[in-house]
Amino acid sequence: QVQLAESGGGSVQAGGSLKLSCAISTDSHLSISTCNLYWYRRPPGKDREFVAEVAKTGATDYQDSVRGRFTISRDNAKNILYLQMNNLKTDDTAVYYCASFCSKTYWGQGTQVTVSS
């Protein structure tokens, strides 16, 4: 079993920054170092969409619209996933979710990010 809890969301003006965190809890038999970790988001009125991935190898991938502005990182020792978001735009307004995939996918409950012009 894996439990994920996001934090760090809030309201910010366009051009500002936020850093999201995702605390990950696992049972004693599972290390998050063996898992691929993700950030997704659900903009208002739209489907959930991929934002960023950091694989268990450390390789990263991003949605084109956030590449160069967002940075995903992981701290396996602390079981925390991060998303540094810079130069935020109004289109980044969404509920942000972290997710892990080891043998199956687990999701957090989400944290709201609102970017105003």
Protein backbone atom coordinates (compact mmCIF):
# COMPACT_ATOMS: atom_id res chain seq x y z
CA GLN A 1 0.00 0.00 0.00
CA VAL A 2 1.10 3.55 -0.81
CA GLN A 3 -0.42 6.75 0.51
CA LEU A 4 0.34 10.15 -1.01
CA ALA A 5 -0.43 13.59 0.41
CA GLU A 6 0.12 16.81 -1.53
CA SER A 7 0.84 20.20 0.02
CA GLY A 8 2.05 23.62 -1.04
CA GLY A 9 -0.81 24.72 -3.22
CA GLY A 10 -2.29 28.19 -3.01
CA SER A 11 -3.00 31.40 -4.88
CA VAL A 12 -0.34 33.37 -6.70
CA GLN A 13 -0.16 36.08 -9.34
CA ALA A 14 1.02 35.31 -12.85
CA GLY A 15 4.80 35.22 -12.98
CA GLY A 16 5.06 33.95 -9.44
CA SER A 17 6.33 30.65 -8.07
CA LEU A 18 5.07 27.80 -5.93
CA LYS A 19 6.64 24.56 -4.77
CA LEU A 20 4.42 21.55 -4.31
CA SER A 21 5.39 18.63 -2.11
CA CYS A 22 4.03 15.10 -2.01
CA ALA A 23 4.72 13.05 1.10
CA ILE A 24 4.69 9.35 0.32
CA SER A 25 4.04 6.61 2.85
CA THR A 26 4.62 2.95 2.09
CA ASP A 27 4.52 -0.31 3.96
CA SER A 28 7.81 -1.71 5.16
CA HIS A 29 8.31 -3.86 2.06
CA LEU A 30 8.27 -1.09 -0.50
CA SER A 31 10.77 1.67 -1.22
CA ILE A 32 9.72 4.59 -3.41
CA SER A 33 13.12 4.33 -5.07
CA THR A 34 11.61 1.47 -7.07
CA CYS A 35 8.67 3.60 -8.25
CA ASN A 36 8.09 6.04 -11.06
CA LEU A 37 6.57 9.25 -9.68
CA TYR A 38 4.30 11.75 -11.39
CA TRP A 39 2.51 15.05 -11.17
CA TYR A 40 -0.82 15.44 -12.95
CA ARG A 41 -3.33 18.30 -12.90
CA ARG A 42 -7.02 18.87 -13.60
CA PRO A 43 -7.78 22.37 -14.92
CA PRO A 44 -11.30 23.71 -14.31
CA GLY A 45 -13.79 21.95 -16.57
CA LYS A 46 -11.15 19.73 -18.18
CA ASP A 47 -9.81 16.21 -17.86
CA ARG A 48 -6.81 15.32 -15.76
CA GLU A 49 -3.56 15.79 -17.70
CA PHE A 50 0.05 14.75 -17.35
CA VAL A 51 2.43 17.41 -16.04
CA ALA A 52 5.75 15.74 -15.19
CA GLU A 53 7.42 12.42 -14.43
CA VAL A 54 10.56 11.41 -12.60
CA ALA A 55 11.36 7.76 -13.23
CA LYS A 56 13.04 5.45 -10.74
CA THR A 57 16.18 5.94 -12.86
CA GLY A 58 16.02 9.70 -12.24
CA ALA A 59 15.05 10.50 -15.82
CA THR A 60 12.49 13.28 -16.14
CA ASP A 61 9.82 14.22 -18.65
CA TYR A 62 7.45 17.18 -18.91
CA GLN A 63 4.34 18.34 -20.68
CA ASP A 64 5.45 20.77 -23.37
CA SER A 65 3.60 23.71 -21.84
CA VAL A 66 5.52 23.48 -18.56
CA ARG A 67 8.95 22.43 -19.81
CA GLY A 68 11.51 25.03 -18.78
CA ARG A 69 9.23 26.47 -16.08
CA PHE A 70 8.54 23.46 -13.84
CA THR A 71 11.07 21.11 -12.24
CA ILE A 72 10.18 17.72 -10.80
CA SER A 73 12.47 16.13 -8.25
CA ARG A 74 12.42 13.37 -5.68
CA ASP A 75 14.08 12.69 -2.34
CA ASN A 76 14.03 8.93 -1.88
CA ALA A 77 15.54 9.16 1.60
CA LYS A 78 12.70 11.38 2.80
CA ASN A 79 10.00 9.79 0.60
CA ILE A 80 9.03 13.16 -0.86
CA LEU A 81 8.24 14.21 -4.41
CA TYR A 82 8.49 17.88 -5.40
CA LEU A 83 7.30 20.14 -8.17
CA GLN A 84 8.94 23.57 -8.39
CA MET A 85 6.75 25.82 -10.52
CA ASN A 86 8.18 29.11 -11.78
CA ASN A 87 6.80 31.80 -14.05
CA LEU A 88 3.29 30.59 -13.42
CA LYS A 89 0.57 31.39 -15.92
CA THR A 90 -3.20 31.61 -15.54
CA ASP A 91 -3.46 28.42 -17.62
CA ASP A 92 -1.61 26.59 -14.83
CA THR A 93 -4.65 26.98 -12.58
CA ALA A 94 -5.72 23.45 -11.63
CA VAL A 95 -5.92 20.84 -8.93
CA TYR A 96 -2.51 19.16 -8.86
CA TYR A 97 -2.15 15.48 -8.03
CA CYS A 98 0.89 13.37 -7.30
CA ALA A 99 0.95 9.72 -8.26
CA SER A 100 3.23 6.75 -7.92
CA PHE A 101 3.55 3.65 -10.04
CA CYS A 102 5.34 0.66 -8.58
CA SER A 103 3.32 -2.43 -9.38
CA LYS A 104 0.13 -0.37 -9.47
CA THR A 105 -0.84 3.27 -9.51
CA TYR A 106 -1.68 5.28 -6.40
CA TRP A 107 -2.98 8.86 -6.29
CA GLY A 108 -3.01 11.67 -3.79
CA GLN A 109 -6.09 13.75 -3.02
CA GLY A 110 -4.87 16.85 -4.82
CA THR A 111 -3.95 20.43 -3.97
CA GLN A 112 -5.42 23.55 -5.56
CA VAL A 113 -3.20 25.99 -7.45
CA THR A 114 -4.79 29.25 -8.57
CA VAL A 115 -2.89 31.72 -10.74
CA SER A 116 -4.44 35.15 -11.22
CA SER A 117 -3.57 37.78 -13.81
